[in-house]
Amino acid sequence: MDLTLFNLIHSFAGRSSLVDWGGVLIAQYLPYALVVAALVFLFRMEPWKVRVEAFLATALSLLLSRGLITELLRFVWDRPRPFVTLGFEPLITAGSASFPSGHAAFFFALSAVLFSVNRTWGWWFLGLSLLNGIARVYAGVHWPSDILGGAVIGVLSYLFVDYLMKRAKTRR
């Protein structure tokens, strides 16, 4: 099923330079805009205590999902990227193992934090994170299951951090 879904999404690559350009833009450059937008949103949160808690939840969730779990799984699993397995030139460059997607883990963790403090921003970030994941499959650097795995890791990392933060708050 992973290969079938990959072929469905990636089959559009190379047909139109405009569509390829859009795919590269979303896969490679949208993440920068999302980080800037998230920082602007978090810096504008009031009161300051909520802002500090949101920053802490964000930092811990990102560290856990992208910095620890993703890297550990990549080290253990070492799954080759689609362009390596199937032997084609991807639209963007990517290194190391494929599973789980570090981009998906990072941006779904960020989306989960934002969703917890503002549903509207959270929905937008979830949608754009999914779009980024699909674009990375389109570009040939991830399997669909890499994106799903990263998304699950990101959301579960936030939920774990949120649980720990709430528990610490009640113990004070």
N, C-alpha and C. Protein backbone atom coordinates (compact mmCIF):
# COMPACT_ATOMS: atom_id res chain seq x y z
N MET A 1 0.82 -1.19 0.00
CA MET A 1 0.00 0.00 0.00
C MET A 1 0.87 1.26 0.00
N ASP A 2 2.00 1.21 0.72
CA ASP A 2 2.91 2.35 0.76
C ASP A 2 3.42 2.69 -0.64
N LEU A 3 3.83 1.65 -1.38
CA LEU A 3 4.33 1.85 -2.73
C LEU A 3 3.22 2.37 -3.65
N THR A 4 2.02 1.83 -3.51
CA THR A 4 0.89 2.26 -4.35
C THR A 4 0.58 3.73 -4.12
N LEU A 5 0.50 4.13 -2.86
CA LEU A 5 0.21 5.53 -2.54
C LEU A 5 1.36 6.44 -2.96
N PHE A 6 2.59 5.97 -2.76
CA PHE A 6 3.75 6.74 -3.22
C PHE A 6 3.67 6.96 -4.73
N ASN A 7 3.43 5.88 -5.48
CA ASN A 7 3.37 5.99 -6.94
C ASN A 7 2.25 6.93 -7.39
N LEU A 8 1.13 6.90 -6.69
CA LEU A 8 0.01 7.78 -7.03
C LEU A 8 0.42 9.25 -6.87
N ILE A 9 1.04 9.58 -5.74
CA ILE A 9 1.42 10.97 -5.47
C ILE A 9 2.61 11.39 -6.33
N HIS A 10 3.63 10.56 -6.40
CA HIS A 10 4.86 10.91 -7.11
C HIS A 10 4.69 10.85 -8.64
N SER A 11 3.66 10.19 -9.11
CA SER A 11 3.48 10.04 -10.56
C SER A 11 3.27 11.37 -11.27
N PHE A 12 2.89 12.40 -10.52
CA PHE A 12 2.69 13.72 -11.13
C PHE A 12 4.00 14.50 -11.27
N ALA A 13 5.04 14.06 -10.60
CA ALA A 13 6.34 14.75 -10.67
C ALA A 13 6.91 14.63 -12.08
N GLY A 14 7.50 15.72 -12.54
CA GLY A 14 8.15 15.73 -13.85
C GLY A 14 7.22 16.03 -15.01
N ARG A 15 5.94 16.17 -14.77
CA ARG A 15 4.99 16.45 -15.85
C ARG A 15 4.88 17.93 -16.17
N SER A 16 5.08 18.76 -15.15
CA SER A 16 4.94 20.20 -15.32
C SER A 16 5.99 20.89 -14.45
N SER A 17 6.78 21.74 -15.08
CA SER A 17 7.80 22.44 -14.30
C SER A 17 7.17 23.37 -13.27
N LEU A 18 6.00 23.91 -13.58
CA LEU A 18 5.30 24.78 -12.63
C LEU A 18 4.83 24.00 -11.41
N VAL A 19 4.26 22.82 -11.63
CA VAL A 19 3.80 21.99 -10.52
C VAL A 19 5.00 21.49 -9.72
N ASP A 20 6.07 21.10 -10.40
CA ASP A 20 7.29 20.68 -9.70
C ASP A 20 7.84 21.82 -8.84
N TRP A 21 7.85 23.03 -9.39
CA TRP A 21 8.32 24.20 -8.64
C TRP A 21 7.47 24.39 -7.38
N GLY A 22 6.15 24.25 -7.53
CA GLY A 22 5.26 24.37 -6.37
C GLY A 22 5.52 23.28 -5.34
N GLY A 23 5.76 22.07 -5.82
CA GLY A 23 6.06 20.96 -4.91
C GLY A 23 7.35 21.20 -4.14
N VAL A 24 8.37 21.69 -4.83
CA VAL A 24 9.65 21.99 -4.18
C VAL A 24 9.46 23.13 -3.19
N LEU A 25 8.73 24.15 -3.58
CA LEU A 25 8.47 25.29 -2.69
C LEU A 25 7.81 24.82 -1.39
N ILE A 26 6.81 23.97 -1.51
CA ILE A 26 6.08 23.49 -0.33
C ILE A 26 6.93 22.50 0.48
N ALA A 27 7.65 21.62 -0.21
CA ALA A 27 8.45 20.60 0.48
C ALA A 27 9.66 21.18 1.18
N GLN A 28 10.29 22.17 0.55
CA GLN A 28 11.57 22.64 1.06
C GLN A 28 11.52 24.01 1.73
N TYR A 29 10.64 24.89 1.29
CA TYR A 29 10.67 26.26 1.80
C TYR A 29 9.48 26.65 2.68
N LEU A 30 8.35 25.97 2.54
CA LEU A 30 7.21 26.24 3.42
C LEU A 30 7.59 26.07 4.90
N PRO A 31 8.42 25.08 5.25
CA PRO A 31 8.79 24.94 6.67
C PRO A 31 9.37 26.20 7.30
N TYR A 32 10.16 26.97 6.55
CA TYR A 32 10.72 28.20 7.09
C TYR A 32 9.61 29.20 7.43
N ALA A 33 8.65 29.32 6.53
CA ALA A 33 7.52 30.23 6.77
C ALA A 33 6.70 29.78 7.97
N LEU A 34 6.53 28.47 8.13
CA LEU A 34 5.77 27.96 9.27
C LEU A 34 6.47 28.25 10.59
N VAL A 35 7.78 28.11 10.62
CA VAL A 35 8.53 28.41 11.84
C VAL A 35 8.40 29.89 12.20
N VAL A 36 8.55 30.77 11.21
CA VAL A 36 8.42 32.21 11.46
C VAL A 36 7.01 32.53 11.94
N ALA A 37 6.00 31.98 11.29
CA ALA A 37 4.61 32.24 11.69
C ALA A 37 4.34 31.74 13.11
N ALA A 38 4.86 30.57 13.44
CA ALA A 38 4.67 30.03 14.79
C ALA A 38 5.35 30.91 15.83
N LEU A 39 6.55 31.37 15.53
CA LEU A 39 7.26 32.25 16.47
C LEU A 39 6.50 33.56 16.68
N VAL A 40 6.00 34.14 15.59
CA VAL A 40 5.21 35.37 15.71
C VAL A 40 3.99 35.11 16.58
N PHE A 41 3.29 34.03 16.31
CA PHE A 41 2.10 33.70 17.11
C PHE A 41 2.46 33.52 18.58
N LEU A 42 3.49 32.74 18.85
CA LEU A 42 3.87 32.47 20.24
C LEU A 42 4.34 33.73 20.97
N PHE A 43 5.09 34.59 20.28
CA PHE A 43 5.56 35.83 20.90
C PHE A 43 4.41 36.79 21.23
N ARG A 44 3.32 36.69 20.51
CA ARG A 44 2.20 37.60 20.72
C ARG A 44 1.19 37.09 21.74
N MET A 45 1.41 35.90 22.25
CA MET A 45 0.46 35.32 23.21
C MET A 45 0.45 36.13 24.51
N GLU A 46 -0.72 36.25 25.08
CA GLU A 46 -0.89 36.92 26.37
C GLU A 46 -1.71 36.02 27.26
N PRO A 47 -1.55 36.04 28.54
CA PRO A 47 -0.51 36.75 29.29
C PRO A 47 0.84 36.06 29.13
N TRP A 48 1.87 36.68 29.67
CA TRP A 48 3.24 36.19 29.49
C TRP A 48 3.41 34.77 30.01
N LYS A 49 2.68 34.42 31.07
CA LYS A 49 2.82 33.07 31.64
C LYS A 49 2.37 32.00 30.63
N VAL A 50 1.30 32.28 29.92
CA VAL A 50 0.81 31.36 28.88
C VAL A 50 1.86 31.26 27.77
N ARG A 51 2.46 32.40 27.42
CA ARG A 51 3.49 32.43 26.38
C ARG A 51 4.68 31.55 26.78
N VAL A 52 5.13 31.70 28.01
CA VAL A 52 6.27 30.91 28.49
C VAL A 52 5.94 29.42 28.48
N GLU A 53 4.74 29.07 28.94
CA GLU A 53 4.33 27.66 28.94
C GLU A 53 4.25 27.11 27.52
N ALA A 54 3.74 27.91 26.59
CA ALA A 54 3.64 27.47 25.19
C ALA A 54 5.03 27.29 24.58
N PHE A 55 5.94 28.21 24.87
CA PHE A 55 7.32 28.07 24.38
C PHE A 55 7.98 26.82 24.96
N LEU A 56 7.78 26.59 26.24
CA LEU A 56 8.36 25.41 26.88
C LEU A 56 7.79 24.13 26.28
N ALA A 57 6.46 24.09 26.11
CA ALA A 57 5.82 22.91 25.50
C ALA A 57 6.34 22.70 24.08
N THR A 58 6.51 23.79 23.34
CA THR A 58 7.01 23.70 21.97
C THR A 58 8.44 23.16 21.96
N ALA A 59 9.30 23.75 22.77
CA ALA A 59 10.70 23.33 22.79
C ALA A 59 10.84 21.87 23.19
N LEU A 60 10.14 21.46 24.24
CA LEU A 60 10.24 20.08 24.70
C LEU A 60 9.65 19.09 23.69
N SER A 61 8.52 19.46 23.10
CA SER A 61 7.88 18.59 22.10
C SER A 61 8.76 18.41 20.87
N LEU A 62 9.37 19.50 20.42
CA LEU A 62 10.24 19.42 19.24
C LEU A 62 11.51 18.64 19.54
N LEU A 63 12.06 18.87 20.71
CA LEU A 63 13.26 18.14 21.12
C LEU A 63 12.99 16.65 21.21
N LEU A 64 11.87 16.29 21.83
CA LEU A 64 11.51 14.89 21.98
C LEU A 64 11.21 14.24 20.63
N SER A 65 10.36 14.89 19.83
CA SER A 65 9.92 14.27 18.57
C SER A 65 11.02 14.25 17.51
N ARG A 66 11.61 15.40 17.25
CA ARG A 66 12.60 15.49 16.17
C ARG A 66 14.01 15.15 16.63
N GLY A 67 14.36 15.62 17.80
CA GLY A 67 15.72 15.45 18.26
C GLY A 67 16.04 14.10 18.85
N LEU A 68 15.06 13.46 19.44
CA LEU A 68 15.33 12.20 20.13
C LEU A 68 14.70 11.00 19.42
N ILE A 69 13.37 10.97 19.38
CA ILE A 69 12.67 9.78 18.87
C ILE A 69 12.97 9.54 17.39
N THR A 70 12.86 10.59 16.57
CA THR A 70 13.10 10.44 15.14
C THR A 70 14.52 9.94 14.86
N GLU A 71 15.49 10.55 15.50
CA GLU A 71 16.88 10.15 15.27
C GLU A 71 17.16 8.74 15.76
N LEU A 72 16.58 8.38 16.89
CA LEU A 72 16.75 7.02 17.42
C LEU A 72 16.16 5.99 16.46
N LEU A 73 14.94 6.24 15.98
CA LEU A 73 14.31 5.32 15.04
C LEU A 73 15.08 5.23 13.73
N ARG A 74 15.59 6.35 13.25
CA ARG A 74 16.38 6.33 12.01
C ARG A 74 17.65 5.51 12.19
N PHE A 75 18.27 5.63 13.35
CA PHE A 75 19.49 4.88 13.63
C PHE A 75 19.20 3.38 13.66
N VAL A 76 18.09 3.00 14.28
CA VAL A 76 17.72 1.59 14.42
C VAL A 76 17.18 1.04 13.11
N TRP A 77 16.31 1.78 12.46
CA TRP A 77 15.61 1.28 11.28
C TRP A 77 16.43 1.45 10.00
N ASP A 78 16.97 2.63 9.75
CA ASP A 78 17.77 2.96 8.57
C ASP A 78 17.07 2.60 7.26
N ARG A 79 15.84 3.04 7.12
CA ARG A 79 15.06 2.76 5.92
C ARG A 79 15.52 3.66 4.77
N PRO A 80 15.80 3.09 3.60
CA PRO A 80 16.23 3.90 2.46
C PRO A 80 15.08 4.78 1.94
N ARG A 81 15.47 5.92 1.42
CA ARG A 81 14.48 6.84 0.84
C ARG A 81 13.98 6.27 -0.50
N PRO A 82 12.80 6.71 -0.94
CA PRO A 82 12.23 6.17 -2.18
C PRO A 82 13.15 6.31 -3.39
N PHE A 83 13.81 7.46 -3.53
CA PHE A 83 14.67 7.64 -4.70
C PHE A 83 15.86 6.68 -4.69
N VAL A 84 16.27 6.23 -3.51
CA VAL A 84 17.35 5.25 -3.41
C VAL A 84 16.81 3.87 -3.80
N THR A 85 15.68 3.50 -3.22
CA THR A 85 15.08 2.19 -3.47
C THR A 85 14.64 2.03 -4.92
N LEU A 86 14.01 3.07 -5.48
CA LEU A 86 13.43 2.98 -6.82
C LEU A 86 14.35 3.51 -7.91
N GLY A 87 15.45 4.14 -7.53
CA GLY A 87 16.46 4.57 -8.50
C GLY A 87 16.05 5.71 -9.41
N PHE A 88 15.66 6.83 -8.85
CA PHE A 88 15.35 8.00 -9.67
C PHE A 88 15.95 9.24 -8.99
N GLU A 89 15.95 10.35 -9.70
CA GLU A 89 16.47 11.61 -9.18
C GLU A 89 15.33 12.38 -8.50
N PRO A 90 15.46 12.64 -7.18
CA PRO A 90 14.39 13.36 -6.49
C PRO A 90 14.39 14.85 -6.87
N LEU A 91 13.28 15.51 -6.60
CA LEU A 91 13.19 16.94 -6.89
C LEU A 91 13.99 17.79 -5.91
N ILE A 92 14.22 17.27 -4.71
CA ILE A 92 15.02 17.96 -3.71
C ILE A 92 16.03 16.98 -3.11
N THR A 93 17.03 17.49 -2.45
CA THR A 93 18.02 16.61 -1.84
C THR A 93 17.59 16.23 -0.42
N ALA A 94 18.00 15.07 0.00
CA ALA A 94 17.70 14.60 1.36
C ALA A 94 18.76 13.59 1.74
N GLY A 95 19.12 13.60 3.00
CA GLY A 95 20.12 12.66 3.46
C GLY A 95 19.55 11.73 4.50
N SER A 96 20.37 10.88 4.98
CA SER A 96 20.07 9.90 6.04
C SER A 96 18.85 9.05 5.74
N ALA A 97 18.39 8.37 6.75
CA ALA A 97 17.29 7.42 6.60
C ALA A 97 15.95 8.13 6.38
N SER A 98 15.01 7.37 5.90
CA SER A 98 13.71 7.92 5.51
C SER A 98 12.67 7.90 6.62
N PHE A 99 12.68 6.84 7.42
CA PHE A 99 11.62 6.68 8.44
C PHE A 99 12.15 6.99 9.82
N PRO A 100 11.40 7.75 10.56
CA PRO A 100 10.22 8.56 10.23
C PRO A 100 10.64 9.91 9.67
N SER A 101 9.71 10.61 9.09
CA SER A 101 9.99 11.93 8.56
C SER A 101 10.25 12.91 9.70
N GLY A 102 11.44 13.49 9.69
CA GLY A 102 11.77 14.51 10.69
C GLY A 102 10.94 15.76 10.51
N HIS A 103 10.68 16.13 9.25
CA HIS A 103 9.82 17.29 8.99
C HIS A 103 8.43 17.06 9.58
N ALA A 104 7.87 15.89 9.33
CA ALA A 104 6.52 15.61 9.84
C ALA A 104 6.51 15.58 11.36
N ALA A 105 7.50 14.95 11.97
CA ALA A 105 7.57 14.91 13.44
C ALA A 105 7.64 16.33 14.00
N PHE A 106 8.49 17.15 13.43
CA PHE A 106 8.67 18.52 13.89
C PHE A 106 7.38 19.33 13.73
N PHE A 107 6.83 19.32 12.52
CA PHE A 107 5.70 20.21 12.25
C PHE A 107 4.38 19.72 12.84
N PHE A 108 4.21 18.42 13.00
CA PHE A 108 3.00 17.95 13.67
C PHE A 108 3.09 18.18 15.18
N ALA A 109 4.28 18.11 15.75
CA ALA A 109 4.44 18.48 17.17
C ALA A 109 4.13 19.96 17.35
N LEU A 110 4.67 20.79 16.48
CA LEU A 110 4.40 22.23 16.53
C LEU A 110 2.91 22.51 16.34
N SER A 111 2.29 21.81 15.40
CA SER A 111 0.85 21.98 15.16
C SER A 111 0.03 21.59 16.37
N ALA A 112 0.43 20.53 17.04
CA ALA A 112 -0.31 20.07 18.22
C ALA A 112 -0.24 21.11 19.34
N VAL A 113 0.94 21.70 19.53
CA VAL A 113 1.06 22.76 20.55
C VAL A 113 0.15 23.93 20.18
N LEU A 114 0.23 24.38 18.94
CA LEU A 114 -0.59 25.51 18.52
C LEU A 114 -2.07 25.20 18.61
N PHE A 115 -2.44 23.98 18.25
CA PHE A 115 -3.84 23.56 18.34
C PHE A 115 -4.33 23.63 19.79
N SER A 116 -3.46 23.30 20.73
CA SER A 116 -3.86 23.30 22.13
C SER A 116 -4.11 24.71 22.67
N VAL A 117 -3.48 25.71 22.07
CA VAL A 117 -3.67 27.08 22.57
C VAL A 117 -4.57 27.92 21.67
N ASN A 118 -4.73 27.52 20.41
CA ASN A 118 -5.59 28.27 19.50
C ASN A 118 -6.03 27.33 18.37
N ARG A 119 -7.28 26.92 18.41
CA ARG A 119 -7.78 25.93 17.44
C ARG A 119 -7.62 26.40 15.98
N THR A 120 -7.88 27.67 15.72
CA THR A 120 -7.79 28.18 14.35
C THR A 120 -6.37 28.05 13.82
N TRP A 121 -5.40 28.56 14.57
CA TRP A 121 -4.00 28.44 14.16
C TRP A 121 -3.60 26.97 14.07
N GLY A 122 -4.08 26.18 15.02
CA GLY A 122 -3.76 24.76 15.02
C GLY A 122 -4.24 24.05 13.77
N TRP A 123 -5.49 24.32 13.37
CA TRP A 123 -6.02 23.69 12.15
C TRP A 123 -5.20 24.10 10.93
N TRP A 124 -4.86 25.40 10.84
CA TRP A 124 -4.05 25.86 9.71
C TRP A 124 -2.70 25.14 9.68
N PHE A 125 -2.06 25.05 10.83
CA PHE A 125 -0.76 24.39 10.89
C PHE A 125 -0.86 22.90 10.60
N LEU A 126 -1.90 22.26 11.10
CA LEU A 126 -2.09 20.84 10.78
C LEU A 126 -2.24 20.64 9.28
N GLY A 127 -3.06 21.47 8.64
CA GLY A 127 -3.26 21.37 7.20
C GLY A 127 -1.98 21.62 6.41
N LEU A 128 -1.24 22.66 6.81
CA LEU A 128 0.00 22.98 6.11
C LEU A 128 1.09 21.94 6.38
N SER A 129 1.07 21.35 7.56
CA SER A 129 2.01 20.27 7.87
C SER A 129 1.72 19.05 7.00
N LEU A 130 0.44 18.73 6.84
CA LEU A 130 0.05 17.62 5.96
C LEU A 130 0.44 17.92 4.51
N LEU A 131 0.21 19.16 4.08
CA LEU A 131 0.58 19.56 2.73
C LEU A 131 2.10 19.42 2.52
N ASN A 132 2.88 19.82 3.51
CA ASN A 132 4.33 19.67 3.43
C ASN A 132 4.71 18.19 3.32
N GLY A 133 4.03 17.34 4.09
CA GLY A 133 4.31 15.91 4.03
C GLY A 133 4.00 15.32 2.66
N ILE A 134 2.87 15.70 2.10
CA ILE A 134 2.49 15.22 0.77
C ILE A 134 3.50 15.72 -0.27
N ALA A 135 3.94 16.96 -0.12
CA ALA A 135 4.92 17.52 -1.06
C ALA A 135 6.25 16.78 -0.96
N ARG A 136 6.61 16.31 0.21
CA ARG A 136 7.87 15.57 0.36
C ARG A 136 7.76 14.18 -0.28
N VAL A 137 6.57 13.60 -0.26
CA VAL A 137 6.34 12.36 -1.00
C VAL A 137 6.40 12.66 -2.50
N TYR A 138 5.73 13.73 -2.93
CA TYR A 138 5.74 14.16 -4.32
C TYR A 138 7.18 14.36 -4.82
N ALA A 139 8.01 14.97 -3.97
CA ALA A 139 9.40 15.25 -4.35
C ALA A 139 10.26 14.00 -4.39
N GLY A 140 9.76 12.90 -3.83
CA GLY A 140 10.48 11.63 -3.91
C GLY A 140 11.42 11.35 -2.76
N VAL A 141 11.31 12.11 -1.66
CA VAL A 141 12.24 11.91 -0.55
C VAL A 141 11.62 11.17 0.64
N HIS A 142 10.32 10.89 0.58
CA HIS A 142 9.67 10.14 1.65
C HIS A 142 8.60 9.20 1.11
N TRP A 143 8.42 8.12 1.84
CA TRP A 143 7.29 7.22 1.63
C TRP A 143 6.11 7.79 2.43
N PRO A 144 4.88 7.52 2.03
CA PRO A 144 3.73 7.99 2.82
C PRO A 144 3.78 7.54 4.28
N SER A 145 4.25 6.32 4.53
CA SER A 145 4.33 5.84 5.92
C SER A 145 5.37 6.61 6.73
N ASP A 146 6.37 7.19 6.09
CA ASP A 146 7.33 8.05 6.79
C ASP A 146 6.62 9.27 7.35
N ILE A 147 5.74 9.84 6.54
CA ILE A 147 4.99 11.04 6.95
C ILE A 147 4.03 10.67 8.07
N LEU A 148 3.31 9.58 7.90
CA LEU A 148 2.38 9.14 8.94
C LEU A 148 3.12 8.86 10.25
N GLY A 149 4.24 8.16 10.16
CA GLY A 149 5.03 7.87 11.36
C GLY A 149 5.51 9.14 12.04
N GLY A 150 6.02 10.08 11.26
CA GLY A 150 6.47 11.35 11.83
C GLY A 150 5.34 12.13 12.46
N ALA A 151 4.17 12.12 11.81
CA ALA A 151 3.01 12.84 12.35
C ALA A 151 2.59 12.24 13.69
N VAL A 152 2.53 10.94 13.76
CA VAL A 152 2.14 10.27 15.02
C VAL A 152 3.17 10.57 16.11
N ILE A 153 4.44 10.50 15.78
CA ILE A 153 5.49 10.80 16.75
C ILE A 153 5.37 12.25 17.25
N GLY A 154 5.14 13.17 16.33
CA GLY A 154 5.01 14.58 16.71
C GLY A 154 3.85 14.83 17.65
N VAL A 155 2.68 14.32 17.30
CA VAL A 155 1.49 14.54 18.14
C VAL A 155 1.64 13.83 19.48
N LEU A 156 2.10 12.59 19.47
CA LEU A 156 2.27 11.86 20.74
C LEU A 156 3.34 12.51 21.62
N SER A 157 4.37 13.06 21.01
CA SER A 157 5.40 13.76 21.79
C SER A 157 4.79 14.95 22.51
N TYR A 158 3.98 15.73 21.79
CA TYR A 158 3.32 16.87 22.45
C TYR A 158 2.40 16.38 23.57
N LEU A 159 1.60 15.36 23.31
CA LEU A 159 0.67 14.87 24.34
C LEU A 159 1.43 14.41 25.58
N PHE A 160 2.57 13.77 25.39
CA PHE A 160 3.39 13.34 26.52
C PHE A 160 3.94 14.54 27.29
N VAL A 161 4.47 15.51 26.56
CA VAL A 161 4.99 16.73 27.20
C VAL A 161 3.88 17.46 27.93
N ASP A 162 2.72 17.57 27.31
CA ASP A 162 1.58 18.24 27.94
C ASP A 162 1.19 17.53 29.23
N TYR A 163 1.15 16.21 29.19
CA TYR A 163 0.84 15.42 30.39
C TYR A 163 1.85 15.71 31.50
N LEU A 164 3.14 15.70 31.16
CA LEU A 164 4.18 15.96 32.16
C LEU A 164 4.08 17.38 32.72
N MET A 165 3.80 18.35 31.85
CA MET A 165 3.70 19.73 32.32
C MET A 165 2.49 19.92 33.23
N LYS A 166 1.37 19.31 32.89
CA LYS A 166 0.18 19.41 33.75
C LYS A 166 0.42 18.71 35.08
N ARG A 167 1.09 17.60 35.03
CA ARG A 167 1.40 16.85 36.25
C ARG A 167 2.33 17.66 37.15
N ALA A 168 3.33 18.29 36.55
CA ALA A 168 4.26 19.11 37.33
C ALA A 168 3.55 20.32 37.94
N LYS A 169 2.60 20.86 37.20
CA LYS A 169 1.85 22.03 37.69
C LYS A 169 0.99 21.67 38.91
N THR A 170 0.38 20.49 38.88
CA THR A 170 -0.48 20.09 40.00
C THR A 170 0.33 19.70 41.23
N ARG A 171 1.58 19.37 41.05
CA ARG A 171 2.43 18.99 42.19
C ARG A 171 3.01 20.19 42.92
N ARG A 172 2.93 21.36 42.30
CA ARG A 172 3.48 22.56 42.95
C ARG A 172 2.60 23.06 44.03
